[in-house]
Amino acid sequence: MLRLGRGEEHSGGQRKPALLANALEAVIAAIYLDGGLAPARDFIHHQIIEPAEAGLISFSSPMNRSRE
């Protein structure tokens, strides 16, 4: 869950993939700064790579979507 300001809520911020990507990047950075590379790597592996390999999540970029 992300808390958004009123302006961002009114402009459709909950549908902006960039906001979620930035939040995820901030979480990974915080884990890295707090515990170092190993905990950050573990988080990425368990929360992103494993679910992606299992087909539970997928990734797409704006470039890929525009070509579809």
PDB file of N, CA and C in Angstrom:
ATOM      1  N   MET A   1       0.848  -1.175   0.000  1.00  0.00           N
ATOM      2  CA  MET A   1       0.000   0.000   0.000  1.00  0.00           C
ATOM      3  C   MET A   1       0.893   1.237   0.000  1.00  0.00           C
ATOM      4  N   LEU A   2       0.547   2.178  -0.860  1.00  0.00           N
ATOM      5  CA  LEU A   2       1.243   3.449  -0.910  1.00  0.00           C
ATOM      6  C   LEU A   2       0.297   4.558  -0.498  1.00  0.00           C
ATOM      7  N   ARG A   3       0.820   5.436   0.329  1.00  0.00           N
ATOM      8  CA  ARG A   3       0.036   6.630   0.658  1.00  0.00           C
ATOM      9  C   ARG A   3       0.358   7.678  -0.374  1.00  0.00           C
ATOM     10  N   LEU A   4      -0.669   8.203  -1.002  1.00  0.00           N
ATOM     11  CA  LEU A   4      -0.493   9.221  -2.023  1.00  0.00           C
ATOM     12  C   LEU A   4      -1.094  10.529  -1.546  1.00  0.00           C
ATOM     13  N   GLY A   5      -0.509  11.602  -1.995  1.00  0.00           N
ATOM     14  CA  GLY A   5      -1.075  12.908  -1.713  1.00  0.00           C
ATOM     15  C   GLY A   5      -2.376  13.095  -2.484  1.00  0.00           C
ATOM     16  N   ARG A   6      -3.144  14.084  -2.079  1.00  0.00           N
ATOM     17  CA  ARG A   6      -4.436  14.312  -2.728  1.00  0.00           C
ATOM     18  C   ARG A   6      -4.291  14.566  -4.224  1.00  0.00           C
ATOM     19  N   GLY A   7      -3.297  15.344  -4.585  1.00  0.00           N
ATOM     20  CA  GLY A   7      -3.104  15.647  -6.002  1.00  0.00           C
ATOM     21  C   GLY A   7      -2.792  14.406  -6.811  1.00  0.00           C
ATOM     22  N   GLU A   8      -1.937  13.551  -6.263  1.00  0.00           N
ATOM     23  CA  GLU A   8      -1.580  12.315  -6.956  1.00  0.00           C
ATOM     24  C   GLU A   8      -2.777  11.372  -7.023  1.00  0.00           C
ATOM     25  N   GLU A   9      -3.554  11.308  -5.965  1.00  0.00           N
ATOM     26  CA  GLU A   9      -4.768  10.477  -5.985  1.00  0.00           C
ATOM     27  C   GLU A   9      -5.732  10.950  -7.067  1.00  0.00           C
ATOM     28  N   HIS A  10      -5.915  12.264  -7.153  1.00  0.00           N
ATOM     29  CA  HIS A  10      -6.874  12.808  -8.123  1.00  0.00           C
ATOM     30  C   HIS A  10      -6.381  12.668  -9.560  1.00  0.00           C
ATOM     31  N   SER A  11      -5.072  12.577  -9.737  1.00  0.00           N
ATOM     32  CA  SER A  11      -4.544  12.466 -11.101  1.00  0.00           C
ATOM     33  C   SER A  11      -4.328  11.012 -11.516  1.00  0.00           C
ATOM     34  N   GLY A  12      -4.846  10.069 -10.728  1.00  0.00           N
ATOM     35  CA  GLY A  12      -4.739   8.659 -11.097  1.00  0.00           C
ATOM     36  C   GLY A  12      -3.431   8.020 -10.709  1.00  0.00           C
ATOM     37  N   GLY A  13      -2.811   8.503  -9.662  1.00  0.00           N
ATOM     38  CA  GLY A  13      -1.520   7.994  -9.229  1.00  0.00           C
ATOM     39  C   GLY A  13      -1.490   6.509  -8.932  1.00  0.00           C
ATOM     40  N   GLN A  14      -2.605   5.950  -8.481  1.00  0.00           N
ATOM     41  CA  GLN A  14      -2.644   4.523  -8.157  1.00  0.00           C
ATOM     42  C   GLN A  14      -2.492   3.660  -9.400  1.00  0.00           C
ATOM     43  N   ARG A  15      -2.622   4.249 -10.581  1.00  0.00           N
ATOM     44  CA  ARG A  15      -2.473   3.495 -11.829  1.00  0.00           C
ATOM     45  C   ARG A  15      -1.131   3.753 -12.506  1.00  0.00           C
ATOM     46  N   LYS A  16      -0.228   4.452 -11.849  1.00  0.00           N
ATOM     47  CA  LYS A  16       1.060   4.794 -12.449  1.00  0.00           C
ATOM     48  C   LYS A  16       2.117   3.768 -12.038  1.00  0.00           C
ATOM     49  N   PRO A  17       2.553   2.935 -12.973  1.00  0.00           N
ATOM     50  CA  PRO A  17       3.556   1.915 -12.644  1.00  0.00           C
ATOM     51  C   PRO A  17       4.852   2.516 -12.114  1.00  0.00           C
ATOM     52  N   ALA A  18       5.191   3.712 -12.550  1.00  0.00           N
ATOM     53  CA  ALA A  18       6.433   4.336 -12.103  1.00  0.00           C
ATOM     54  C   ALA A  18       6.434   4.569 -10.591  1.00  0.00           C
ATOM     55  N   LEU A  19       5.280   4.894 -10.014  1.00  0.00           N
ATOM     56  CA  LEU A  19       5.213   5.109  -8.568  1.00  0.00           C
ATOM     57  C   LEU A  19       5.498   3.821  -7.803  1.00  0.00           C
ATOM     58  N   LEU A  20       4.916   2.726  -8.270  1.00  0.00           N
ATOM     59  CA  LEU A  20       5.164   1.441  -7.627  1.00  0.00           C
ATOM     60  C   LEU A  20       6.621   1.037  -7.797  1.00  0.00           C
ATOM     61  N   ALA A  21       7.179   1.245  -8.971  1.00  0.00           N
ATOM     62  CA  ALA A  21       8.585   0.916  -9.209  1.00  0.00           C
ATOM     63  C   ALA A  21       9.494   1.732  -8.305  1.00  0.00           C
ATOM     64  N   ASN A  22       9.197   3.002  -8.148  1.00  0.00           N
ATOM     65  CA  ASN A  22      10.007   3.855  -7.270  1.00  0.00           C
ATOM     66  C   ASN A  22       9.907   3.413  -5.817  1.00  0.00           C
ATOM     67  N   ALA A  23       8.718   3.014  -5.392  1.00  0.00           N
ATOM     68  CA  ALA A  23       8.540   2.548  -4.016  1.00  0.00           C
ATOM     69  C   ALA A  23       9.310   1.256  -3.785  1.00  0.00           C
ATOM     70  N   LEU A  24       9.253   0.341  -4.748  1.00  0.00           N
ATOM     71  CA  LEU A  24       9.994  -0.918  -4.619  1.00  0.00           C
ATOM     72  C   LEU A  24      11.494  -0.647  -4.574  1.00  0.00           C
ATOM     73  N   GLU A  25      11.962   0.254  -5.414  1.00  0.00           N
ATOM     74  CA  GLU A  25      13.377   0.619  -5.408  1.00  0.00           C
ATOM     75  C   GLU A  25      13.790   1.182  -4.047  1.00  0.00           C
ATOM     76  N   ALA A  26      12.928   1.997  -3.450  1.00  0.00           N
ATOM     77  CA  ALA A  26      13.226   2.573  -2.142  1.00  0.00           C
ATOM     78  C   ALA A  26      13.288   1.495  -1.062  1.00  0.00           C
ATOM     79  N   VAL A  27      12.396   0.508  -1.131  1.00  0.00           N
ATOM     80  CA  VAL A  27      12.413  -0.590  -0.158  1.00  0.00           C
ATOM     81  C   VAL A  27      13.705  -1.388  -0.292  1.00  0.00           C
ATOM     82  N   ILE A  28      14.082  -1.712  -1.516  1.00  0.00           N
ATOM     83  CA  ILE A  28      15.314  -2.479  -1.733  1.00  0.00           C
ATOM     84  C   ILE A  28      16.523  -1.675  -1.242  1.00  0.00           C
ATOM     85  N   ALA A  29      16.546  -0.372  -1.524  1.00  0.00           N
ATOM     86  CA  ALA A  29      17.644   0.471  -1.062  1.00  0.00           C
ATOM     87  C   ALA A  29      17.706   0.513   0.460  1.00  0.00           C
ATOM     88  N   ALA A  30      16.555   0.590   1.107  1.00  0.00           N
ATOM     89  CA  ALA A  30      16.532   0.615   2.573  1.00  0.00           C
ATOM     90  C   ALA A  30      17.055  -0.692   3.152  1.00  0.00           C
ATOM     91  N   ILE A  31      16.674  -1.806   2.540  1.00  0.00           N
ATOM     92  CA  ILE A  31      17.176  -3.110   3.002  1.00  0.00           C
ATOM     93  C   ILE A  31      18.687  -3.166   2.833  1.00  0.00           C
ATOM     94  N   TYR A  32      19.175  -2.700   1.685  1.00  0.00           N
ATOM     95  CA  TYR A  32      20.613  -2.697   1.418  1.00  0.00           C
ATOM     96  C   TYR A  32      21.356  -1.812   2.418  1.00  0.00           C
ATOM     97  N   LEU A  33      20.846  -0.612   2.642  1.00  0.00           N
ATOM     98  CA  LEU A  33      21.516   0.303   3.561  1.00  0.00           C
ATOM     99  C   LEU A  33      21.494  -0.212   4.998  1.00  0.00           C
ATOM    100  N   ASP A  34      20.426  -0.897   5.373  1.00  0.00           N
ATOM    101  CA  ASP A  34      20.303  -1.405   6.730  1.00  0.00           C
ATOM    102  C   ASP A  34      21.124  -2.664   6.956  1.00  0.00           C
ATOM    103  N   GLY A  35      21.116  -3.575   5.985  1.00  0.00           N
ATOM    104  CA  GLY A  35      21.738  -4.875   6.222  1.00  0.00           C
ATOM    105  C   GLY A  35      22.824  -5.286   5.267  1.00  0.00           C
ATOM    106  N   GLY A  36      22.981  -4.558   4.166  1.00  0.00           N
ATOM    107  CA  GLY A  36      24.009  -4.892   3.203  1.00  0.00           C
ATOM    108  C   GLY A  36      23.461  -5.639   2.001  1.00  0.00           C
ATOM    109  N   LEU A  37      24.396  -6.124   1.201  1.00  0.00           N
ATOM    110  CA  LEU A  37      24.035  -6.747  -0.068  1.00  0.00           C
ATOM    111  C   LEU A  37      23.272  -8.060   0.096  1.00  0.00           C
ATOM    112  N   ALA A  38      23.687  -8.898   1.031  1.00  0.00           N
ATOM    113  CA  ALA A  38      23.054 -10.219   1.169  1.00  0.00           C
ATOM    114  C   ALA A  38      21.557 -10.125   1.472  1.00  0.00           C
ATOM    115  N   PRO A  39      21.121  -9.325   2.448  1.00  0.00           N
ATOM    116  CA  PRO A  39      19.678  -9.223   2.689  1.00  0.00           C
ATOM    117  C   PRO A  39      18.917  -8.623   1.503  1.00  0.00           C
ATOM    118  N   ALA A  40      19.527  -7.651   0.821  1.00  0.00           N
ATOM    119  CA  ALA A  40      18.865  -7.061  -0.341  1.00  0.00           C
ATOM    120  C   ALA A  40      18.727  -8.098  -1.449  1.00  0.00           C
ATOM    121  N   ARG A  41      19.783  -8.875  -1.670  1.00  0.00           N
ATOM    122  CA  ARG A  41      19.738  -9.928  -2.683  1.00  0.00           C
ATOM    123  C   ARG A  41      18.679 -10.975  -2.326  1.00  0.00           C
ATOM    124  N   ASP A  42      18.617 -11.347  -1.055  1.00  0.00           N
ATOM    125  CA  ASP A  42      17.616 -12.329  -0.615  1.00  0.00           C
ATOM    126  C   ASP A  42      16.193 -11.808  -0.845  1.00  0.00           C
ATOM    127  N   PHE A  43      15.962 -10.548  -0.516  1.00  0.00           N
ATOM    128  CA  PHE A  43      14.643  -9.952  -0.724  1.00  0.00           C
ATOM    129  C   PHE A  43      14.265 -10.001  -2.202  1.00  0.00           C
ATOM    130  N   ILE A  44      15.185  -9.562  -3.056  1.00  0.00           N
ATOM    131  CA  ILE A  44      14.916  -9.559  -4.498  1.00  0.00           C
ATOM    132  C   ILE A  44      14.625 -10.968  -4.983  1.00  0.00           C
ATOM    133  N   HIS A  45      15.420 -11.915  -4.530  1.00  0.00           N
ATOM    134  CA  HIS A  45      15.239 -13.299  -4.982  1.00  0.00           C
ATOM    135  C   HIS A  45      13.885 -13.855  -4.530  1.00  0.00           C
ATOM    136  N   HIS A  46      13.566 -13.688  -3.251  1.00  0.00           N
ATOM    137  CA  HIS A  46      12.343 -14.287  -2.700  1.00  0.00           C
ATOM    138  C   HIS A  46      11.067 -13.539  -3.091  1.00  0.00           C
ATOM    139  N   GLN A  47      11.153 -12.225  -3.215  1.00  0.00           N
ATOM    140  CA  GLN A  47       9.939 -11.440  -3.465  1.00  0.00           C
ATOM    141  C   GLN A  47       9.708 -11.107  -4.937  1.00  0.00           C
ATOM    142  N   ILE A  48      10.755 -11.213  -5.760  1.00  0.00           N
ATOM    143  CA  ILE A  48      10.605 -10.836  -7.158  1.00  0.00           C
ATOM    144  C   ILE A  48      10.947 -11.996  -8.096  1.00  0.00           C
ATOM    145  N   ILE A  49      12.140 -12.543  -7.967  1.00  0.00           N
ATOM    146  CA  ILE A  49      12.584 -13.558  -8.916  1.00  0.00           C
ATOM    147  C   ILE A  49      11.780 -14.850  -8.794  1.00  0.00           C
ATOM    148  N   GLU A  50      11.645 -15.386  -7.573  1.00  0.00           N
ATOM    149  CA  GLU A  50      10.897 -16.639  -7.412  1.00  0.00           C
ATOM    150  C   GLU A  50       9.438 -16.517  -7.869  1.00  0.00           C
ATOM    151  N   PRO A  51       8.705 -15.467  -7.469  1.00  0.00           N
ATOM    152  CA  PRO A  51       7.330 -15.344  -7.970  1.00  0.00           C
ATOM    153  C   PRO A  51       7.266 -15.192  -9.496  1.00  0.00           C
ATOM    154  N   ALA A  52       8.234 -14.494 -10.080  1.00  0.00           N
ATOM    155  CA  ALA A  52       8.246 -14.338 -11.540  1.00  0.00           C
ATOM    156  C   ALA A  52       8.489 -15.679 -12.217  1.00  0.00           C
ATOM    157  N   GLU A  53       9.416 -16.456 -11.692  1.00  0.00           N
ATOM    158  CA  GLU A  53       9.695 -17.769 -12.271  1.00  0.00           C
ATOM    159  C   GLU A  53       8.498 -18.704 -12.135  1.00  0.00           C
ATOM    160  N   ALA A  54       7.721 -18.533 -11.081  1.00  0.00           N
ATOM    161  CA  ALA A  54       6.539 -19.367 -10.865  1.00  0.00           C
ATOM    162  C   ALA A  54       5.331 -18.853 -11.657  1.00  0.00           C
ATOM    163  N   GLY A  55       5.506 -17.743 -12.353  1.00  0.00           N
ATOM    164  CA  GLY A  55       4.408 -17.188 -13.140  1.00  0.00           C
ATOM    165  C   GLY A  55       3.403 -16.406 -12.323  1.00  0.00           C
ATOM    166  N   LEU A  56       3.749 -16.080 -11.089  1.00  0.00           N
ATOM    167  CA  LEU A  56       2.819 -15.351 -10.228  1.00  0.00           C
ATOM    168  C   LEU A  56       2.815 -13.856 -10.510  1.00  0.00           C
ATOM    169  N   ILE A  57       3.915 -13.352 -11.045  1.00  0.00           N
ATOM    170  CA  ILE A  57       3.999 -11.949 -11.440  1.00  0.00           C
ATOM    171  C   ILE A  57       4.677 -11.888 -12.800  1.00  0.00           C
ATOM    172  N   SER A  58       4.419 -10.824 -13.521  1.00  0.00           N
ATOM    173  CA  SER A  58       5.074 -10.633 -14.806  1.00  0.00           C
ATOM    174  C   SER A  58       5.530  -9.190 -14.905  1.00  0.00           C
ATOM    175  N   PHE A  59       6.429  -8.975 -15.800  1.00  0.00           N
ATOM    176  CA  PHE A  59       6.994  -7.638 -15.974  1.00  0.00           C
ATOM    177  C   PHE A  59       6.738  -7.175 -17.385  1.00  0.00           C
ATOM    178  N   SER A  60       6.499  -5.905 -17.523  1.00  0.00           N
ATOM    179  CA  SER A  60       6.416  -5.308 -18.846  1.00  0.00           C
ATOM    180  C   SER A  60       6.903  -3.877 -18.727  1.00  0.00           C
ATOM    181  N   SER A  61       7.440  -3.387 -19.791  1.00  0.00           N
ATOM    182  CA  SER A  61       7.906  -2.013 -19.821  1.00  0.00           C
ATOM    183  C   SER A  61       7.021  -1.209 -20.764  1.00  0.00           C
ATOM    184  N   PRO A  62       7.032   0.096 -20.646  1.00  0.00           N
ATOM    185  CA  PRO A  62       6.237   0.906 -21.569  1.00  0.00           C
ATOM    186  C   PRO A  62       6.623   0.650 -23.022  1.00  0.00           C
ATOM    187  N   MET A  63       7.894   0.391 -23.274  1.00  0.00           N
ATOM    188  CA  MET A  63       8.325   0.096 -24.644  1.00  0.00           C
ATOM    189  C   MET A  63       7.697  -1.186 -25.149  1.00  0.00           C
ATOM    190  N   ASN A  64       7.639  -2.212 -24.310  1.00  0.00           N
ATOM    191  CA  ASN A  64       7.040  -3.479 -24.722  1.00  0.00           C
ATOM    192  C   ASN A  64       5.544  -3.323 -24.973  1.00  0.00           C
ATOM    193  N   ARG A  65       4.863  -2.559 -24.124  1.00  0.00           N
ATOM    194  CA  ARG A  65       3.422  -2.377 -24.289  1.00  0.00           C
ATOM    195  C   ARG A  65       3.096  -1.611 -25.562  1.00  0.00           C
ATOM    196  N   SER A  66       3.944  -0.656 -25.940  1.00  0.00           N
ATOM    197  CA  SER A  66       3.657   0.122 -27.142  1.00  0.00           C
ATOM    198  C   SER A  66       3.849  -0.706 -28.402  1.00  0.00           C
ATOM    199  N   ARG A  67       4.611  -1.771 -28.337  1.00  0.00           N
ATOM    200  CA  ARG A  67       4.860  -2.624 -29.502  1.00  0.00           C
ATOM    201  C   ARG A  67       3.821  -3.719 -29.658  1.00  0.00           C
ATOM    202  N   GLU A  68       2.994  -3.936 -28.637  1.00  0.00           N
ATOM    203  CA  GLU A  68       2.009  -5.011 -28.700  1.00  0.00           C
ATOM    204  C   GLU A  68       0.824  -4.644 -29.547  1.00  0.00           C
TER     205      GLU A  68
END
